[in-house]
N, C-alpha and C. Protein backbone atom coordinates (compact mmCIF):
# COMPACT_ATOMS: atom_id res chain seq x y z
N MET A 1 91.51 -163.28 -115.54
CA MET A 1 92.51 -162.85 -114.59
C MET A 1 91.93 -161.93 -113.53
N SER A 2 91.01 -161.05 -113.91
CA SER A 2 90.51 -160.10 -112.93
C SER A 2 89.72 -160.81 -111.83
N GLY A 3 89.07 -161.92 -112.16
CA GLY A 3 88.38 -162.70 -111.13
C GLY A 3 89.34 -163.22 -110.09
N GLN A 4 90.52 -163.62 -110.54
CA GLN A 4 91.54 -164.11 -109.62
C GLN A 4 92.01 -162.98 -108.71
N ASP A 5 92.19 -161.80 -109.26
CA ASP A 5 92.61 -160.66 -108.45
C ASP A 5 91.55 -160.31 -107.41
N ASP A 6 90.27 -160.39 -107.79
CA ASP A 6 89.21 -160.10 -106.84
C ASP A 6 89.27 -161.06 -105.66
N THR A 7 89.54 -162.34 -105.92
CA THR A 7 89.64 -163.33 -104.86
C THR A 7 90.80 -162.99 -103.94
N THR A 8 91.93 -162.62 -104.52
CA THR A 8 93.09 -162.25 -103.72
C THR A 8 92.76 -161.08 -102.81
N ASP A 9 92.08 -160.07 -103.34
CA ASP A 9 91.70 -158.92 -102.53
C ASP A 9 90.77 -159.33 -101.40
N MET A 10 89.83 -160.23 -101.68
CA MET A 10 88.88 -160.65 -100.68
C MET A 10 89.59 -161.41 -99.55
N ILE A 11 90.51 -162.29 -99.90
CA ILE A 11 91.25 -163.05 -98.89
C ILE A 11 92.03 -162.11 -97.98
N GLU A 12 92.61 -161.08 -98.56
CA GLU A 12 93.41 -160.14 -97.80
C GLU A 12 92.59 -159.50 -96.67
N TYR A 13 91.30 -159.29 -96.87
CA TYR A 13 90.48 -158.63 -95.86
C TYR A 13 89.74 -159.59 -94.95
N LEU A 14 90.01 -160.88 -95.06
CA LEU A 14 89.47 -161.84 -94.11
C LEU A 14 90.47 -161.91 -92.94
N ARG A 15 90.70 -160.76 -92.35
CA ARG A 15 91.71 -160.60 -91.32
C ARG A 15 91.07 -159.95 -90.09
N SER A 16 91.40 -160.48 -88.95
CA SER A 16 90.94 -159.91 -87.69
C SER A 16 92.15 -159.66 -86.80
N VAL A 17 91.94 -158.84 -85.79
CA VAL A 17 93.00 -158.51 -84.85
C VAL A 17 92.50 -158.74 -83.43
N ALA A 18 93.43 -159.08 -82.55
CA ALA A 18 93.13 -159.25 -81.13
C ALA A 18 94.12 -158.41 -80.34
N GLY A 19 93.60 -157.64 -79.40
CA GLY A 19 94.45 -156.83 -78.54
C GLY A 19 94.80 -157.60 -77.28
N ILE A 20 96.08 -157.77 -77.03
CA ILE A 20 96.55 -158.51 -75.86
C ILE A 20 97.11 -157.50 -74.87
N ALA A 21 96.34 -157.22 -73.81
CA ALA A 21 96.78 -156.30 -72.76
C ALA A 21 97.36 -157.13 -71.62
N ILE A 22 98.57 -156.77 -71.20
CA ILE A 22 99.29 -157.52 -70.17
C ILE A 22 99.59 -156.60 -68.99
N GLN A 23 99.22 -157.05 -67.79
CA GLN A 23 99.59 -156.36 -66.55
C GLN A 23 100.22 -157.40 -65.64
N SER A 24 101.53 -157.25 -65.39
CA SER A 24 102.28 -158.25 -64.64
C SER A 24 102.11 -159.60 -65.33
N ASP A 25 101.47 -160.57 -64.65
CA ASP A 25 101.25 -161.88 -65.29
C ASP A 25 99.78 -162.09 -65.65
N LEU A 26 99.03 -160.98 -65.73
CA LEU A 26 97.60 -161.07 -66.03
C LEU A 26 97.29 -160.54 -67.42
N LEU A 27 96.28 -161.13 -68.05
CA LEU A 27 95.84 -160.73 -69.38
C LEU A 27 94.39 -160.28 -69.33
N PHE A 28 94.06 -159.30 -70.16
CA PHE A 28 92.70 -158.78 -70.23
C PHE A 28 91.87 -159.62 -71.18
N VAL A 29 90.71 -160.08 -70.71
CA VAL A 29 89.76 -160.82 -71.55
C VAL A 29 88.36 -160.26 -71.30
N ALA A 30 87.48 -160.46 -72.27
CA ALA A 30 86.11 -159.97 -72.17
C ALA A 30 85.16 -161.07 -72.61
N ARG A 31 84.00 -161.12 -71.96
CA ARG A 31 82.98 -162.12 -72.29
C ARG A 31 81.90 -161.48 -73.13
N ARG A 32 81.65 -162.08 -74.30
CA ARG A 32 80.66 -161.55 -75.24
C ARG A 32 79.25 -161.65 -74.67
N LYS A 33 78.38 -160.75 -75.13
CA LYS A 33 76.97 -160.82 -74.78
C LYS A 33 76.38 -162.09 -75.40
N GLN A 34 75.30 -162.57 -74.81
CA GLN A 34 74.61 -163.72 -75.36
C GLN A 34 73.82 -163.30 -76.59
N ASP A 35 74.02 -164.03 -77.68
CA ASP A 35 73.29 -163.76 -78.92
C ASP A 35 73.19 -165.06 -79.72
N HIS A 36 72.92 -164.96 -80.99
CA HIS A 36 72.72 -166.14 -81.83
C HIS A 36 74.00 -166.61 -82.53
N THR A 37 75.14 -165.99 -82.24
CA THR A 37 76.37 -166.34 -82.95
C THR A 37 77.19 -167.37 -82.19
N GLU A 38 78.20 -167.91 -82.87
CA GLU A 38 79.09 -168.88 -82.23
C GLU A 38 79.95 -168.25 -81.13
N MET A 39 80.03 -166.93 -81.11
CA MET A 39 80.81 -166.21 -80.10
C MET A 39 79.99 -165.93 -78.84
N SER A 40 78.72 -166.26 -78.86
CA SER A 40 77.81 -165.96 -77.78
C SER A 40 78.35 -166.42 -76.43
N HIS A 41 78.46 -165.47 -75.51
CA HIS A 41 78.82 -165.72 -74.11
C HIS A 41 80.21 -166.37 -73.94
N ARG A 42 81.05 -166.27 -74.95
CA ARG A 42 82.41 -166.82 -74.86
C ARG A 42 83.39 -165.71 -74.55
N TRP A 43 84.49 -166.09 -73.94
CA TRP A 43 85.55 -165.15 -73.62
C TRP A 43 86.44 -164.94 -74.83
N GLU A 44 87.05 -163.76 -74.91
CA GLU A 44 87.93 -163.46 -76.03
C GLU A 44 88.96 -162.42 -75.63
N PHE A 45 90.02 -162.37 -76.42
CA PHE A 45 90.92 -161.23 -76.39
C PHE A 45 90.24 -160.22 -77.32
N PRO A 46 89.84 -159.07 -76.82
CA PRO A 46 89.04 -158.16 -77.64
C PRO A 46 89.74 -157.70 -78.92
N GLY A 47 88.94 -157.39 -79.90
CA GLY A 47 89.42 -156.92 -81.19
C GLY A 47 88.30 -157.05 -82.19
N GLY A 48 88.65 -157.33 -83.44
CA GLY A 48 87.62 -157.48 -84.45
C GLY A 48 88.19 -157.52 -85.84
N LYS A 49 87.30 -157.38 -86.81
CA LYS A 49 87.69 -157.46 -88.22
C LYS A 49 88.42 -156.20 -88.66
N VAL A 50 89.42 -156.40 -89.51
CA VAL A 50 90.12 -155.30 -90.13
C VAL A 50 89.33 -154.92 -91.38
N GLU A 51 88.94 -153.66 -91.47
CA GLU A 51 88.17 -153.21 -92.62
C GLU A 51 89.10 -152.89 -93.79
N GLU A 52 88.54 -152.91 -94.98
CA GLU A 52 89.32 -152.63 -96.19
C GLU A 52 90.01 -151.27 -96.07
N GLY A 53 91.31 -151.26 -96.37
CA GLY A 53 92.08 -150.02 -96.31
C GLY A 53 92.55 -149.64 -94.92
N GLU A 54 92.25 -150.46 -93.93
CA GLU A 54 92.58 -150.16 -92.54
C GLU A 54 93.80 -150.98 -92.10
N SER A 55 94.67 -150.41 -91.31
CA SER A 55 95.81 -151.14 -90.77
C SER A 55 95.36 -151.92 -89.54
N ASP A 56 96.14 -152.92 -89.15
CA ASP A 56 95.85 -153.67 -87.93
C ASP A 56 95.75 -152.74 -86.74
N GLU A 57 96.71 -151.82 -86.64
CA GLU A 57 96.75 -150.90 -85.50
C GLU A 57 95.51 -150.01 -85.45
N SER A 58 95.09 -149.49 -86.59
CA SER A 58 93.89 -148.65 -86.65
C SER A 58 92.64 -149.45 -86.28
N ALA A 59 92.58 -150.70 -86.74
CA ALA A 59 91.43 -151.56 -86.41
C ALA A 59 91.36 -151.80 -84.90
N LEU A 60 92.49 -152.06 -84.28
CA LEU A 60 92.50 -152.28 -82.83
C LEU A 60 92.04 -151.04 -82.07
N LYS A 61 92.57 -149.90 -82.45
CA LYS A 61 92.18 -148.65 -81.78
C LYS A 61 90.68 -148.41 -81.94
N ARG A 62 90.16 -148.63 -83.15
CA ARG A 62 88.73 -148.45 -83.42
C ARG A 62 87.89 -149.42 -82.59
N GLU A 63 88.28 -150.69 -82.59
CA GLU A 63 87.50 -151.71 -81.87
C GLU A 63 87.47 -151.44 -80.36
N PHE A 64 88.61 -151.10 -79.76
CA PHE A 64 88.63 -150.84 -78.32
C PHE A 64 87.82 -149.59 -77.97
N LEU A 65 87.83 -148.61 -78.86
CA LEU A 65 87.04 -147.40 -78.64
C LEU A 65 85.55 -147.74 -78.72
N GLU A 66 85.15 -148.51 -79.75
CA GLU A 66 83.75 -148.89 -79.93
C GLU A 66 83.26 -149.79 -78.80
N GLU A 67 84.06 -150.80 -78.44
CA GLU A 67 83.61 -151.83 -77.51
C GLU A 67 83.71 -151.41 -76.04
N PHE A 68 84.70 -150.55 -75.72
CA PHE A 68 84.95 -150.22 -74.31
C PHE A 68 85.07 -148.72 -74.03
N GLY A 69 85.06 -147.89 -75.07
CA GLY A 69 85.32 -146.47 -74.88
C GLY A 69 86.74 -146.21 -74.44
N ALA A 70 87.64 -147.14 -74.75
CA ALA A 70 89.04 -147.08 -74.29
C ALA A 70 89.97 -146.65 -75.42
N ASP A 71 90.78 -145.66 -75.14
CA ASP A 71 91.80 -145.19 -76.08
C ASP A 71 93.09 -145.94 -75.75
N ILE A 72 93.49 -146.85 -76.62
CA ILE A 72 94.65 -147.69 -76.36
C ILE A 72 95.84 -147.28 -77.22
N ASP A 73 97.00 -147.76 -76.83
CA ASP A 73 98.19 -147.67 -77.67
C ASP A 73 98.54 -149.09 -78.09
N VAL A 74 98.93 -149.24 -79.35
CA VAL A 74 99.37 -150.54 -79.86
C VAL A 74 100.88 -150.58 -79.70
N ILE A 75 101.37 -151.61 -79.01
CA ILE A 75 102.78 -151.67 -78.64
C ILE A 75 103.61 -152.47 -79.64
N ARG A 76 103.21 -153.73 -79.89
CA ARG A 76 104.00 -154.57 -80.79
C ARG A 76 103.19 -155.74 -81.31
N PHE A 77 103.59 -156.22 -82.48
CA PHE A 77 102.99 -157.40 -83.10
C PHE A 77 103.53 -158.64 -82.39
N LEU A 78 102.65 -159.56 -82.02
CA LEU A 78 103.06 -160.77 -81.31
C LEU A 78 103.08 -162.01 -82.20
N GLY A 79 102.19 -162.06 -83.19
CA GLY A 79 102.10 -163.23 -84.06
C GLY A 79 100.69 -163.36 -84.58
N GLU A 80 100.46 -164.39 -85.39
CA GLU A 80 99.12 -164.59 -85.94
C GLU A 80 98.84 -166.07 -86.14
N SER A 81 97.56 -166.38 -86.18
CA SER A 81 97.14 -167.75 -86.46
C SER A 81 96.16 -167.72 -87.63
N VAL A 82 96.06 -168.83 -88.31
CA VAL A 82 95.15 -168.97 -89.44
C VAL A 82 94.12 -170.02 -89.05
N PHE A 83 92.85 -169.73 -89.32
CA PHE A 83 91.79 -170.67 -88.95
C PHE A 83 90.67 -170.61 -89.98
N GLN A 84 89.80 -171.60 -89.93
CA GLN A 84 88.64 -171.68 -90.82
C GLN A 84 87.41 -171.18 -90.08
N ASN A 85 86.60 -170.35 -90.77
CA ASN A 85 85.35 -169.88 -90.21
C ASN A 85 84.34 -169.80 -91.34
N LYS A 86 83.27 -170.57 -91.22
CA LYS A 86 82.21 -170.60 -92.23
C LYS A 86 82.77 -170.88 -93.62
N GLY A 87 83.69 -171.82 -93.69
CA GLY A 87 84.25 -172.25 -94.96
C GLY A 87 85.29 -171.31 -95.55
N LYS A 88 85.67 -170.27 -94.81
CA LYS A 88 86.66 -169.31 -95.30
C LYS A 88 87.89 -169.34 -94.40
N THR A 89 89.04 -169.14 -95.01
CA THR A 89 90.28 -169.06 -94.25
C THR A 89 90.44 -167.64 -93.73
N ARG A 90 90.64 -167.52 -92.43
CA ARG A 90 90.80 -166.21 -91.80
C ARG A 90 92.14 -166.16 -91.08
N THR A 91 92.65 -164.96 -90.90
CA THR A 91 93.87 -164.74 -90.14
C THR A 91 93.53 -163.89 -88.92
N LEU A 92 94.04 -164.29 -87.76
CA LEU A 92 93.86 -163.51 -86.54
C LEU A 92 95.24 -163.08 -86.06
N ALA A 93 95.47 -161.78 -86.06
CA ALA A 93 96.75 -161.22 -85.65
C ALA A 93 96.67 -160.73 -84.22
N ALA A 94 97.64 -161.13 -83.40
CA ALA A 94 97.70 -160.70 -82.00
C ALA A 94 98.69 -159.55 -81.86
N TRP A 95 98.24 -158.50 -81.21
CA TRP A 95 99.07 -157.31 -80.97
C TRP A 95 99.01 -156.98 -79.48
N GLN A 96 100.16 -156.70 -78.89
CA GLN A 96 100.15 -156.24 -77.51
C GLN A 96 99.69 -154.79 -77.49
N VAL A 97 98.77 -154.49 -76.56
CA VAL A 97 98.23 -153.13 -76.42
C VAL A 97 98.36 -152.68 -74.97
N SER A 98 98.34 -151.37 -74.77
CA SER A 98 98.33 -150.83 -73.41
C SER A 98 96.89 -150.55 -73.03
N LEU A 99 96.51 -151.02 -71.85
CA LEU A 99 95.15 -150.83 -71.36
C LEU A 99 95.17 -150.98 -69.85
N SER A 100 94.46 -150.14 -69.16
CA SER A 100 94.27 -150.31 -67.72
C SER A 100 92.78 -150.38 -67.44
N SER A 101 92.42 -150.96 -66.32
CA SER A 101 91.00 -151.12 -65.97
C SER A 101 90.29 -149.78 -65.95
N GLY A 102 90.99 -148.71 -65.56
CA GLY A 102 90.39 -147.39 -65.48
C GLY A 102 90.00 -146.82 -66.84
N GLN A 103 90.55 -147.38 -67.91
CA GLN A 103 90.22 -146.89 -69.25
C GLN A 103 88.89 -147.43 -69.76
N ILE A 104 88.35 -148.47 -69.15
CA ILE A 104 87.09 -149.07 -69.61
C ILE A 104 85.95 -148.14 -69.21
N GLN A 105 85.27 -147.56 -70.22
CA GLN A 105 84.18 -146.62 -69.98
C GLN A 105 82.81 -147.29 -70.05
N HIS A 106 82.68 -148.31 -70.89
CA HIS A 106 81.40 -149.00 -71.08
C HIS A 106 81.66 -150.36 -71.73
N LEU A 107 80.64 -151.21 -71.71
CA LEU A 107 80.69 -152.51 -72.38
C LEU A 107 79.59 -152.52 -73.44
N ASN A 108 79.98 -152.46 -74.71
CA ASN A 108 79.00 -152.47 -75.80
C ASN A 108 78.64 -153.87 -76.28
N GLU A 109 79.64 -154.72 -76.42
CA GLU A 109 79.42 -156.06 -76.97
C GLU A 109 79.72 -157.16 -75.96
N HIS A 110 80.05 -156.76 -74.74
CA HIS A 110 80.45 -157.71 -73.71
C HIS A 110 79.62 -157.52 -72.45
N VAL A 111 79.58 -158.55 -71.61
CA VAL A 111 78.86 -158.47 -70.35
C VAL A 111 79.81 -158.46 -69.16
N GLU A 112 81.07 -158.79 -69.41
CA GLU A 112 82.01 -158.93 -68.32
C GLU A 112 83.43 -158.79 -68.86
N VAL A 113 84.32 -158.21 -68.05
CA VAL A 113 85.73 -158.16 -68.37
C VAL A 113 86.51 -158.65 -67.16
N ALA A 114 87.72 -159.15 -67.39
CA ALA A 114 88.52 -159.69 -66.29
C ALA A 114 89.99 -159.68 -66.66
N TRP A 115 90.83 -159.75 -65.64
CA TRP A 115 92.28 -159.92 -65.79
C TRP A 115 92.63 -161.26 -65.15
N HIS A 116 93.18 -162.18 -65.95
CA HIS A 116 93.52 -163.52 -65.46
C HIS A 116 94.88 -163.95 -65.98
N PRO A 117 95.52 -164.89 -65.26
CA PRO A 117 96.76 -165.47 -65.78
C PRO A 117 96.46 -166.36 -66.99
N ILE A 118 97.45 -166.52 -67.85
CA ILE A 118 97.29 -167.32 -69.08
C ILE A 118 96.83 -168.75 -68.76
N GLU A 119 97.32 -169.31 -67.67
CA GLU A 119 96.94 -170.69 -67.30
C GLU A 119 95.45 -170.78 -67.04
N TYR A 120 94.88 -169.77 -66.43
CA TYR A 120 93.44 -169.74 -66.16
C TYR A 120 92.65 -169.52 -67.45
N ILE A 121 93.12 -168.58 -68.26
CA ILE A 121 92.43 -168.27 -69.52
C ILE A 121 92.38 -169.49 -70.43
N SER A 122 93.45 -170.27 -70.46
CA SER A 122 93.48 -171.45 -71.33
C SER A 122 92.42 -172.49 -70.95
N LYS A 123 91.85 -172.39 -69.73
CA LYS A 123 90.81 -173.32 -69.29
C LYS A 123 89.40 -172.72 -69.40
N MET A 124 89.32 -171.44 -69.78
CA MET A 124 88.03 -170.76 -69.90
C MET A 124 87.31 -171.15 -71.19
N GLU A 125 86.04 -170.80 -71.26
CA GLU A 125 85.26 -171.02 -72.49
C GLU A 125 85.64 -169.90 -73.47
N LEU A 126 86.77 -170.12 -74.12
CA LEU A 126 87.38 -169.12 -75.00
C LEU A 126 86.94 -169.37 -76.44
N ALA A 127 86.79 -168.29 -77.19
CA ALA A 127 86.49 -168.43 -78.62
C ALA A 127 87.60 -169.27 -79.26
N ASP A 128 87.23 -170.17 -80.17
CA ASP A 128 88.20 -171.08 -80.79
C ASP A 128 89.35 -170.33 -81.45
N SER A 129 89.02 -169.26 -82.17
CA SER A 129 90.07 -168.50 -82.86
C SER A 129 91.04 -167.90 -81.84
N ASP A 130 90.53 -167.42 -80.72
CA ASP A 130 91.39 -166.83 -79.70
C ASP A 130 92.22 -167.90 -78.98
N ARG A 131 91.65 -169.09 -78.84
CA ARG A 131 92.41 -170.19 -78.22
C ARG A 131 93.68 -170.48 -79.03
N SER A 132 93.60 -170.30 -80.34
CA SER A 132 94.77 -170.56 -81.18
C SER A 132 95.90 -169.56 -80.91
N LEU A 133 95.60 -168.46 -80.22
CA LEU A 133 96.62 -167.46 -79.89
C LEU A 133 97.36 -167.76 -78.59
N ILE A 134 96.87 -168.71 -77.80
CA ILE A 134 97.48 -169.00 -76.49
C ILE A 134 98.99 -169.24 -76.59
N PRO A 135 99.49 -170.10 -77.50
CA PRO A 135 100.94 -170.30 -77.57
C PRO A 135 101.70 -169.01 -77.93
N ILE A 136 101.11 -168.17 -78.76
CA ILE A 136 101.73 -166.91 -79.15
C ILE A 136 101.82 -165.98 -77.94
N VAL A 137 100.73 -165.92 -77.17
CA VAL A 137 100.69 -165.06 -76.00
C VAL A 137 101.65 -165.58 -74.93
N GLU A 138 101.69 -166.90 -74.74
CA GLU A 138 102.64 -167.48 -73.77
C GLU A 138 104.08 -167.12 -74.13
N ALA A 139 104.42 -167.23 -75.41
CA ALA A 139 105.77 -166.90 -75.86
C ALA A 139 106.07 -165.43 -75.62
N ALA A 140 105.10 -164.56 -75.87
CA ALA A 140 105.30 -163.12 -75.66
C ALA A 140 105.50 -162.82 -74.18
N MET A 141 104.73 -163.48 -73.33
CA MET A 141 104.87 -163.25 -71.89
C MET A 141 106.22 -163.75 -71.38
N ASN A 142 106.67 -164.87 -71.91
CA ASN A 142 107.98 -165.40 -71.52
C ASN A 142 109.09 -164.46 -71.96
N SER A 143 108.94 -163.87 -73.15
CA SER A 143 109.98 -162.95 -73.65
C SER A 143 109.94 -161.63 -72.87
N ASN A 144 108.79 -161.31 -72.27
CA ASN A 144 108.67 -160.08 -71.48
C ASN A 144 109.27 -160.22 -70.09
N SER A 145 109.33 -161.45 -69.56
CA SER A 145 109.79 -161.59 -68.19
C SER A 145 111.24 -161.13 -68.08
N GLY A 146 111.42 -160.04 -67.39
CA GLY A 146 112.75 -159.49 -67.21
C GLY A 146 113.14 -158.46 -68.24
N SER A 147 112.29 -158.21 -69.23
CA SER A 147 112.67 -157.23 -70.26
C SER A 147 112.12 -155.83 -69.95
N GLY A 148 111.21 -155.74 -68.97
CA GLY A 148 110.67 -154.45 -68.61
C GLY A 148 109.63 -153.93 -69.58
N HIS A 149 109.13 -154.76 -70.49
CA HIS A 149 108.16 -154.30 -71.50
C HIS A 149 106.72 -154.53 -71.10
N GLN A 150 106.49 -155.02 -69.89
CA GLN A 150 105.11 -155.24 -69.48
C GLN A 150 104.45 -153.89 -69.26
N VAL A 151 103.26 -153.77 -69.78
CA VAL A 151 102.57 -152.49 -69.74
C VAL A 151 101.27 -152.65 -69.01
N GLY A 152 100.94 -151.69 -68.17
CA GLY A 152 99.70 -151.79 -67.42
C GLY A 152 98.86 -150.58 -67.55
C-alpha cells in the first residue's frame, strides 16, 4: 500500500503553472533561450514547476521573480490542461497575473518578451503544453470583455 501512496504523491507534484498577463487584448509571452531541451527557443506563457509543499500562487510568484525580477500579483485561476511529457502525465494550470512591461528587470531563462493578441500567439512557435492553454485563455479573455477585470 505504501508504494501506491508514494505514486500518488509523485503524481501530485507533476504540476506546473503558467502566468497569463493580460493588457487590453494583448498577452505576455516570453521566448526561451536556446539550449538542448524541447523548450529551446520556443515561446511560452511564463511559469514553471510547482515544488513540493508549494501552492500554485507561490510557484508563480517565485518563477516570475527568478525569471524576470518581477513581483507579480496572482489574480484568478483560469483553468488547466493535462498533457504527457517524457512518459509522465503532467498538469499545467493557467492563472491570470498582473504584470506590466516596467516590472521586467532582467531575462534569466528567456531571450525575448512580447505582448501579442491571442490570434497571433496561436500561430507562434509555442511550447506544446502552453498551446493546450489557448482555449482556456480565449475563454478568459472573452469573459473579461466588459467586466473591467483586465489588468495591466
